[in-house]
Protein backbone atom coordinates (compact mmCIF):
# COMPACT_ATOMS: atom_id res chain seq x y z
CA MET A 1 107.42 73.39 100.19
CA THR A 2 105.38 73.38 96.84
CA ASP A 3 102.85 75.14 98.81
CA ILE A 4 104.74 77.85 99.71
CA LEU A 5 106.19 78.29 96.30
CA ARG A 6 102.98 78.39 94.69
CA LEU A 7 101.64 81.00 97.51
CA THR A 8 104.28 82.98 96.97
CA LEU A 9 104.03 82.99 93.14
CA ILE A 10 100.30 84.13 93.66
CA ILE A 11 100.88 87.00 96.04
CA LEU A 12 103.68 88.24 93.43
CA LEU A 13 101.38 87.83 90.60
CA LEU A 14 98.43 89.63 92.54
CA THR A 15 100.95 92.24 93.43
CA ILE A 16 101.96 92.94 89.85
CA THR A 17 97.91 93.15 88.85
CA LEU A 18 97.03 95.49 91.57
CA SER A 19 99.70 97.76 90.91
CA ALA A 20 98.81 97.82 87.28
CA TYR A 21 95.30 98.28 88.32
CA PHE A 22 95.93 101.10 90.74
CA LEU A 23 97.85 103.03 87.90
CA VAL A 24 95.06 102.79 85.38
CA ILE A 25 92.46 103.83 87.89
CA GLY A 26 94.25 106.64 88.95
CA ALA A 27 94.89 107.78 85.24
CA LEU A 28 91.11 107.25 84.25
CA PHE A 29 89.41 108.77 87.14
CA ILE A 30 91.89 111.64 87.95
CA THR A 31 89.25 114.08 89.56
CA ARG A 32 87.30 111.39 91.61
CA VAL A 33 90.44 109.89 93.09
CA ALA A 34 91.67 113.34 93.78
CA LYS A 35 88.52 114.18 95.83
CA THR A 36 88.95 110.69 97.61
CA GLN A 37 92.22 111.24 98.55
CA THR A 38 91.38 114.94 100.01
CA SER A 39 88.78 113.33 102.22
CA LEU A 40 91.13 110.53 102.97
CA THR A 41 93.78 113.02 104.00
CA LEU A 42 91.41 115.34 106.00
CA THR A 43 89.32 112.95 107.83
CA PRO A 44 90.65 109.48 108.12
CA GLY A 45 89.04 108.75 111.23
CA ARG A 46 85.50 109.71 109.75
CA SER A 47 86.25 107.95 106.58
CA PHE A 48 86.86 104.72 108.58
CA GLY A 49 83.81 104.87 110.32
CA LEU A 50 81.40 105.70 107.33
CA GLY A 51 83.25 103.02 105.45
CA MET A 52 82.86 100.35 108.04
CA VAL A 53 79.23 100.99 108.74
CA ASN A 54 78.53 101.23 104.76
CA PHE A 55 80.50 97.99 104.01
CA PHE A 56 78.66 95.88 106.82
CA PHE A 57 75.39 97.41 105.88
CA PHE A 58 75.42 96.90 102.18
CA GLY A 59 77.48 93.63 102.54
CA LEU A 60 74.75 92.31 105.04
CA ILE A 61 71.90 93.30 102.57
CA ALA A 62 73.74 91.59 99.64
CA PHE A 63 74.48 88.53 101.99
CA VAL A 64 70.84 88.07 102.93
CA MET A 65 69.57 88.46 99.24
CA LEU A 66 71.87 85.85 97.95
CA SER A 67 71.15 83.53 100.90
CA LEU A 68 67.35 83.92 100.21
CA ALA A 69 67.99 83.49 96.55
CA GLU A 70 69.89 80.20 97.11
CA ASN A 71 66.77 78.33 98.09
CA ALA A 72 64.19 79.97 95.96
CA GLY A 73 62.51 79.44 92.62
CA SER A 74 64.07 80.57 89.35
CA PHE A 75 62.22 83.73 89.23
CA ILE A 76 62.83 84.84 92.88
CA LYS A 77 66.36 83.77 92.46
CA GLY A 78 66.93 86.02 89.57
CA THR A 79 64.99 88.89 91.38
CA LEU A 80 67.15 88.53 94.32
CA THR A 81 70.56 87.82 92.73
CA ILE A 82 70.58 90.98 90.49
CA PRO A 83 70.23 93.71 93.03
CA ALA A 84 72.79 91.70 95.01
CA LEU A 85 75.16 91.56 92.50
CA LEU A 86 74.60 95.37 92.09
CA ILE A 87 75.18 95.98 95.59
CA LEU A 88 78.39 93.85 95.58
CA SER A 89 79.64 96.03 92.27
CA PHE A 90 78.91 99.35 93.85
CA LEU A 91 80.99 98.36 96.81
CA SER A 92 83.84 97.06 94.42
CA ILE A 93 83.92 100.39 92.77
CA LEU A 94 83.88 102.32 96.02
CA LEU A 95 86.89 100.05 97.20
CA SER A 96 88.72 100.48 94.01
CA LEU A 97 88.66 104.21 94.03
CA GLY A 98 89.56 104.41 97.55
CA LEU A 99 92.44 101.91 97.41
CA THR A 100 93.87 103.95 94.65
CA ALA A 101 93.41 107.05 96.63
CA THR A 102 95.01 105.22 99.40
CA VAL A 103 98.02 104.24 97.08
CA GLN A 104 98.50 107.99 96.11
CA HIS A 105 98.47 109.16 99.22
CA LEU A 106 100.95 106.51 100.58
CA ALA A 107 102.96 107.52 97.65
CA GLU A 108 103.04 111.22 98.40
CA ARG A 109 104.30 110.42 101.96
CA LEU A 110 106.97 107.74 100.90
CA PHE A 111 108.46 108.76 97.68
CA PRO A 112 107.90 112.56 97.43
CA ASP A 113 110.69 113.02 94.87
CA MET A 114 109.87 110.26 92.38
CA SER A 115 107.82 110.57 89.19
CA ALA A 116 104.00 110.03 89.73
CA TRP A 117 103.97 106.76 88.39
CA LYS A 118 106.80 105.37 89.89
CA ARG A 119 105.98 106.47 93.12
CA ASN A 120 102.27 104.87 92.61
CA LEU A 121 103.82 101.55 91.30
CA TRP A 122 106.18 101.37 94.47
CA SER A 123 103.68 102.20 96.95
CA SER A 124 101.13 100.01 95.59
CA VAL A 125 103.68 97.07 95.87
CA ILE A 126 104.36 98.16 99.41
CA LEU A 127 100.66 98.35 100.28
CA CYS A 128 100.20 94.84 98.83
CA ILE A 129 103.04 93.10 100.51
CA ALA A 130 102.19 94.86 103.60
CA CYS A 131 98.50 93.62 103.58
CA ALA A 132 99.90 90.12 102.99
CA LEU A 133 101.72 89.92 106.40
CA PRO A 134 99.98 87.14 108.41
CA PHE A 135 97.72 88.12 110.89
CA VAL A 136 98.57 91.91 111.25
CA GLY A 137 98.16 92.47 107.65
CA TRP A 138 95.26 90.36 106.92
CA PHE A 139 93.00 91.43 110.35
CA LEU A 140 94.24 95.02 110.96
CA LEU A 141 95.94 96.82 108.13
CA LEU A 142 93.59 95.15 105.19
CA PRO A 143 90.35 96.15 107.00
CA TYR A 144 91.54 99.65 107.86
CA VAL A 145 92.65 100.34 104.44
CA THR A 146 89.27 98.91 102.95
CA PHE A 147 87.01 100.53 105.34
CA THR A 148 89.07 103.97 105.09
CA GLY A 149 89.03 103.76 101.48
CA ILE A 150 85.22 103.19 101.23
CA GLY A 151 84.46 105.85 103.52
CA ALA A 152 86.68 108.23 101.87
CA THR A 153 85.06 107.70 98.33
CA ILE A 154 81.80 108.26 99.86
CA LEU A 155 82.74 111.55 101.62
CA GLY A 156 84.46 112.44 98.18
CA PHE A 157 81.18 112.36 96.47
CA PHE A 158 79.65 115.01 98.98
CA GLN A 159 82.56 117.28 98.83
CA LYS A 160 82.57 120.59 97.33
CA SER A 161 85.12 121.22 94.47
């Protein structure tokens, strides 16, 4: 019983934290999130495919580099670890922008009559709770939202203004 309460508290705190994070990212990077949201709206299938390919390609490169660095000497360890961490940081940035655009896209569809920050707050809460749903949220919704967000962010970089 204690584990269920602890897990519920962790999910609640992560939801509050992620909601605030998406609000801040949306406020600081308005144009980048808008371009990503446009790519997400116009080409969701292409965004998904591009995001999945890039996530697995760069994730595999980072994983291999970190695996090789684990058994290497100190100089080689640093030489392999730093680029791997840079790749993972770049994927995290793409994911942050993509999830923020997804939250804003979801907010426009679910709550069109609310103020912008309230609808983004509630849509991020809804997305976090939906992704926390066992099995369907973990293995279907979360990868779909992740890959689509990464792909839409990449497409947003090449979109003409």
